[in-house]
């Protein structure tokens, strides 16, 4: 059971790192570091860098919350620790 428990937490931490990495790229890199490069592209009349800084990172965060919940449900079922 200990090995199975370690595998469960490895899968959980890998998912967390994946989600946080995506959020970091969208919110920090796209919204701050690469804003000037992205501002050369327009999305719905707004500069893309501005959009990522103001809206894109929020939308991405909401999508990641639902993705994390769905993925954790799959991981819980895989390791048989889901709610019954």
N, C-alpha and C. Protein backbone atom coordinates (compact mmCIF):
# COMPACT_ATOMS: atom_id res chain seq x y z
N UNK A 1 0.82 -1.19 0.00
CA UNK A 1 0.00 0.00 0.00
C UNK A 1 0.87 1.26 0.00
N UNK A 2 2.05 1.21 0.60
CA UNK A 2 2.91 2.39 0.67
C UNK A 2 3.34 2.81 -0.73
N UNK A 3 3.72 1.86 -1.57
CA UNK A 3 4.14 2.19 -2.92
C UNK A 3 2.99 2.82 -3.70
N UNK A 4 1.80 2.27 -3.56
CA UNK A 4 0.62 2.82 -4.23
C UNK A 4 0.35 4.25 -3.76
N UNK A 5 0.54 4.50 -2.47
CA UNK A 5 0.35 5.83 -1.90
C UNK A 5 1.36 6.82 -2.48
N UNK A 6 2.61 6.38 -2.61
CA UNK A 6 3.64 7.24 -3.20
C UNK A 6 3.33 7.55 -4.66
N UNK A 7 2.85 6.56 -5.40
CA UNK A 7 2.49 6.78 -6.80
C UNK A 7 1.33 7.76 -6.92
N UNK A 8 0.38 7.66 -6.01
CA UNK A 8 -0.76 8.59 -6.00
C UNK A 8 -0.27 10.02 -5.81
N UNK A 9 0.62 10.23 -4.85
CA UNK A 9 1.10 11.59 -4.59
C UNK A 9 2.01 12.09 -5.69
N UNK A 10 2.75 11.19 -6.32
CA UNK A 10 3.57 11.60 -7.47
C UNK A 10 2.68 12.08 -8.61
N UNK A 11 1.59 11.37 -8.86
CA UNK A 11 0.65 11.78 -9.90
C UNK A 11 -0.01 13.11 -9.54
N UNK A 12 -0.36 13.28 -8.28
CA UNK A 12 -0.99 14.52 -7.80
C UNK A 12 -0.03 15.69 -7.96
N UNK A 13 1.18 15.54 -7.51
CA UNK A 13 2.18 16.62 -7.60
C UNK A 13 2.51 16.93 -9.06
N UNK A 14 2.59 15.90 -9.91
CA UNK A 14 2.87 16.14 -11.34
C UNK A 14 1.75 16.97 -11.96
N UNK A 15 0.50 16.69 -11.59
CA UNK A 15 -0.62 17.47 -12.10
C UNK A 15 -0.57 18.91 -11.60
N UNK A 16 -0.25 19.09 -10.35
CA UNK A 16 -0.14 20.44 -9.78
C UNK A 16 0.97 21.23 -10.49
N UNK A 17 2.11 20.61 -10.71
CA UNK A 17 3.22 21.29 -11.39
C UNK A 17 2.83 21.65 -12.82
N UNK A 18 2.13 20.76 -13.49
CA UNK A 18 1.68 21.03 -14.85
C UNK A 18 0.73 22.23 -14.88
N UNK A 19 -0.24 22.26 -13.98
CA UNK A 19 -1.21 23.36 -13.94
C UNK A 19 -0.53 24.68 -13.57
N UNK A 20 0.34 24.65 -12.58
CA UNK A 20 1.03 25.88 -12.18
C UNK A 20 1.97 26.39 -13.26
N UNK A 21 2.57 25.48 -14.01
CA UNK A 21 3.45 25.89 -15.11
C UNK A 21 2.67 26.61 -16.20
N UNK A 22 1.51 26.06 -16.54
CA UNK A 22 0.66 26.71 -17.55
C UNK A 22 0.22 28.07 -17.06
N UNK A 23 -0.20 28.14 -15.81
CA UNK A 23 -0.66 29.42 -15.26
C UNK A 23 0.48 30.44 -15.23
N UNK A 24 1.70 30.00 -14.88
CA UNK A 24 2.86 30.88 -14.86
C UNK A 24 3.14 31.44 -16.25
N UNK A 25 3.13 30.57 -17.25
CA UNK A 25 3.41 31.01 -18.62
C UNK A 25 2.38 32.05 -19.07
N UNK A 26 1.11 31.76 -18.81
CA UNK A 26 0.05 32.67 -19.28
C UNK A 26 0.05 33.98 -18.50
N UNK A 27 0.15 33.90 -17.17
CA UNK A 27 0.01 35.12 -16.38
C UNK A 27 1.31 35.94 -16.32
N UNK A 28 2.44 35.30 -16.13
CA UNK A 28 3.68 36.05 -15.97
C UNK A 28 4.37 36.31 -17.30
N UNK A 29 4.60 35.25 -18.07
CA UNK A 29 5.33 35.44 -19.32
C UNK A 29 4.50 36.20 -20.35
N UNK A 30 3.27 35.75 -20.59
CA UNK A 30 2.45 36.42 -21.61
C UNK A 30 1.96 37.78 -21.13
N UNK A 31 1.64 37.91 -19.86
CA UNK A 31 1.06 39.15 -19.35
C UNK A 31 2.07 40.21 -18.96
N UNK A 32 3.34 39.82 -18.72
CA UNK A 32 4.33 40.78 -18.26
C UNK A 32 5.58 40.78 -19.15
N UNK A 33 6.25 39.64 -19.25
CA UNK A 33 7.54 39.58 -19.93
C UNK A 33 7.40 39.75 -21.44
N UNK A 34 6.45 39.04 -22.05
CA UNK A 34 6.31 39.06 -23.50
C UNK A 34 5.20 40.00 -23.98
N UNK A 35 4.78 40.91 -23.12
CA UNK A 35 3.65 41.77 -23.45
C UNK A 35 3.91 42.63 -24.69
N UNK A 36 5.10 43.14 -24.86
CA UNK A 36 5.40 43.99 -26.02
C UNK A 36 5.34 43.20 -27.32
N UNK A 37 5.84 41.99 -27.29
CA UNK A 37 5.80 41.14 -28.49
C UNK A 37 4.35 40.78 -28.82
N UNK A 38 3.59 40.40 -27.80
CA UNK A 38 2.20 40.00 -28.03
C UNK A 38 1.31 41.18 -28.41
N UNK A 39 1.69 42.39 -28.04
CA UNK A 39 0.88 43.56 -28.37
C UNK A 39 0.87 43.86 -29.86
N UNK A 40 1.71 43.22 -30.65
CA UNK A 40 1.68 43.41 -32.09
C UNK A 40 0.50 42.68 -32.73
N UNK A 41 -0.13 41.77 -31.97
CA UNK A 41 -1.29 41.02 -32.44
C UNK A 41 -2.53 41.57 -31.74
N UNK A 42 -3.63 41.64 -32.48
CA UNK A 42 -4.88 42.15 -31.88
C UNK A 42 -5.89 41.01 -31.75
N UNK A 43 -6.65 41.05 -30.66
CA UNK A 43 -7.70 40.06 -30.40
C UNK A 43 -8.97 40.83 -30.03
N UNK A 44 -9.94 40.81 -30.91
CA UNK A 44 -11.19 41.53 -30.66
C UNK A 44 -11.00 43.02 -30.48
N UNK A 45 -10.02 43.60 -31.17
CA UNK A 45 -9.78 45.04 -31.07
C UNK A 45 -8.77 45.42 -29.99
N UNK A 46 -8.40 44.46 -29.15
CA UNK A 46 -7.45 44.75 -28.07
C UNK A 46 -6.10 44.11 -28.39
N UNK A 47 -5.05 44.72 -27.89
CA UNK A 47 -3.72 44.15 -28.05
C UNK A 47 -3.65 42.85 -27.25
N UNK A 48 -3.04 41.82 -27.85
CA UNK A 48 -3.03 40.49 -27.23
C UNK A 48 -2.31 40.49 -25.89
N UNK A 49 -1.22 41.21 -25.75
CA UNK A 49 -0.51 41.28 -24.47
C UNK A 49 -1.37 41.90 -23.39
N UNK A 50 -2.08 42.95 -23.72
CA UNK A 50 -3.01 43.58 -22.78
C UNK A 50 -4.10 42.61 -22.40
N UNK A 51 -4.64 41.88 -23.39
CA UNK A 51 -5.72 40.92 -23.12
C UNK A 51 -5.25 39.84 -22.15
N UNK A 52 -4.05 39.29 -22.37
CA UNK A 52 -3.53 38.27 -21.45
C UNK A 52 -3.35 38.84 -20.05
N UNK A 53 -2.88 40.05 -19.95
CA UNK A 53 -2.66 40.66 -18.63
C UNK A 53 -3.97 40.91 -17.91
N UNK A 54 -5.01 41.30 -18.63
CA UNK A 54 -6.27 41.69 -18.01
C UNK A 54 -7.29 40.55 -17.92
N UNK A 55 -7.39 39.74 -18.95
CA UNK A 55 -8.44 38.72 -19.00
C UNK A 55 -7.90 37.30 -19.18
N UNK A 56 -6.91 37.14 -20.00
CA UNK A 56 -6.42 35.81 -20.37
C UNK A 56 -5.97 34.98 -19.20
N UNK A 57 -5.25 35.59 -18.27
CA UNK A 57 -4.77 34.81 -17.13
C UNK A 57 -5.93 34.39 -16.22
N UNK A 58 -6.95 35.21 -16.12
CA UNK A 58 -8.12 34.86 -15.30
C UNK A 58 -8.88 33.71 -15.95
N UNK A 59 -9.13 33.80 -17.26
CA UNK A 59 -9.82 32.72 -17.96
C UNK A 59 -9.03 31.42 -17.87
N UNK A 60 -7.73 31.52 -18.04
CA UNK A 60 -6.88 30.34 -17.95
C UNK A 60 -6.96 29.72 -16.57
N UNK A 61 -6.95 30.54 -15.53
CA UNK A 61 -7.04 30.04 -14.16
C UNK A 61 -8.36 29.29 -13.95
N UNK A 62 -9.46 29.84 -14.42
CA UNK A 62 -10.76 29.18 -14.26
C UNK A 62 -10.78 27.84 -14.99
N UNK A 63 -10.25 27.81 -16.22
CA UNK A 63 -10.18 26.55 -16.97
C UNK A 63 -9.30 25.54 -16.25
N UNK A 64 -8.18 26.01 -15.70
CA UNK A 64 -7.28 25.10 -14.98
C UNK A 64 -7.93 24.53 -13.71
N UNK A 65 -8.77 25.30 -13.05
CA UNK A 65 -9.47 24.79 -11.86
C UNK A 65 -10.35 23.61 -12.25
N UNK A 66 -11.12 23.75 -13.33
CA UNK A 66 -11.99 22.66 -13.77
C UNK A 66 -11.17 21.48 -14.29
N UNK A 67 -10.08 21.76 -15.00
CA UNK A 67 -9.21 20.69 -15.49
C UNK A 67 -8.59 19.92 -14.32
N UNK A 68 -8.15 20.64 -13.31
CA UNK A 68 -7.55 20.00 -12.13
C UNK A 68 -8.58 19.10 -11.43
N UNK A 69 -9.79 19.61 -11.26
CA UNK A 69 -10.83 18.82 -10.58
C UNK A 69 -11.15 17.54 -11.36
N UNK A 70 -11.28 17.66 -12.67
CA UNK A 70 -11.57 16.49 -13.49
C UNK A 70 -10.41 15.50 -13.48
N UNK A 71 -9.20 16.01 -13.60
CA UNK A 71 -8.01 15.15 -13.61
C UNK A 71 -7.80 14.47 -12.26
N UNK A 72 -8.05 15.19 -11.18
CA UNK A 72 -7.91 14.58 -9.85
C UNK A 72 -8.95 13.49 -9.65
N UNK A 73 -10.14 13.66 -10.20
CA UNK A 73 -11.15 12.61 -10.14
C UNK A 73 -10.67 11.35 -10.82
N UNK A 74 -10.02 11.51 -11.97
CA UNK A 74 -9.47 10.35 -12.68
C UNK A 74 -8.34 9.69 -11.88
N UNK A 75 -7.47 10.52 -11.30
CA UNK A 75 -6.36 9.98 -10.51
C UNK A 75 -6.91 9.26 -9.27
N UNK A 76 -7.91 9.84 -8.62
CA UNK A 76 -8.52 9.21 -7.45
C UNK A 76 -9.11 7.85 -7.81
N UNK A 77 -9.79 7.77 -8.95
CA UNK A 77 -10.36 6.48 -9.37
C UNK A 77 -9.27 5.48 -9.72
N UNK A 78 -8.22 5.96 -10.36
CA UNK A 78 -7.12 5.07 -10.74
C UNK A 78 -6.48 4.42 -9.51
N UNK A 79 -6.34 5.19 -8.45
CA UNK A 79 -5.71 4.67 -7.23
C UNK A 79 -6.73 4.23 -6.18
N UNK A 80 -8.00 4.18 -6.57
CA UNK A 80 -9.08 3.70 -5.72
C UNK A 80 -9.18 4.47 -4.39
N UNK A 81 -9.12 5.78 -4.48
CA UNK A 81 -9.29 6.62 -3.29
C UNK A 81 -10.43 7.62 -3.50
N UNK A 82 -11.27 7.35 -4.50
CA UNK A 82 -12.39 8.24 -4.81
C UNK A 82 -13.52 8.05 -3.81
N UNK A 83 -14.38 9.06 -3.76
CA UNK A 83 -15.54 8.99 -2.87
C UNK A 83 -16.53 8.00 -3.44
N UNK A 84 -17.20 7.30 -2.55
CA UNK A 84 -18.14 6.27 -3.01
C UNK A 84 -19.55 6.70 -2.81
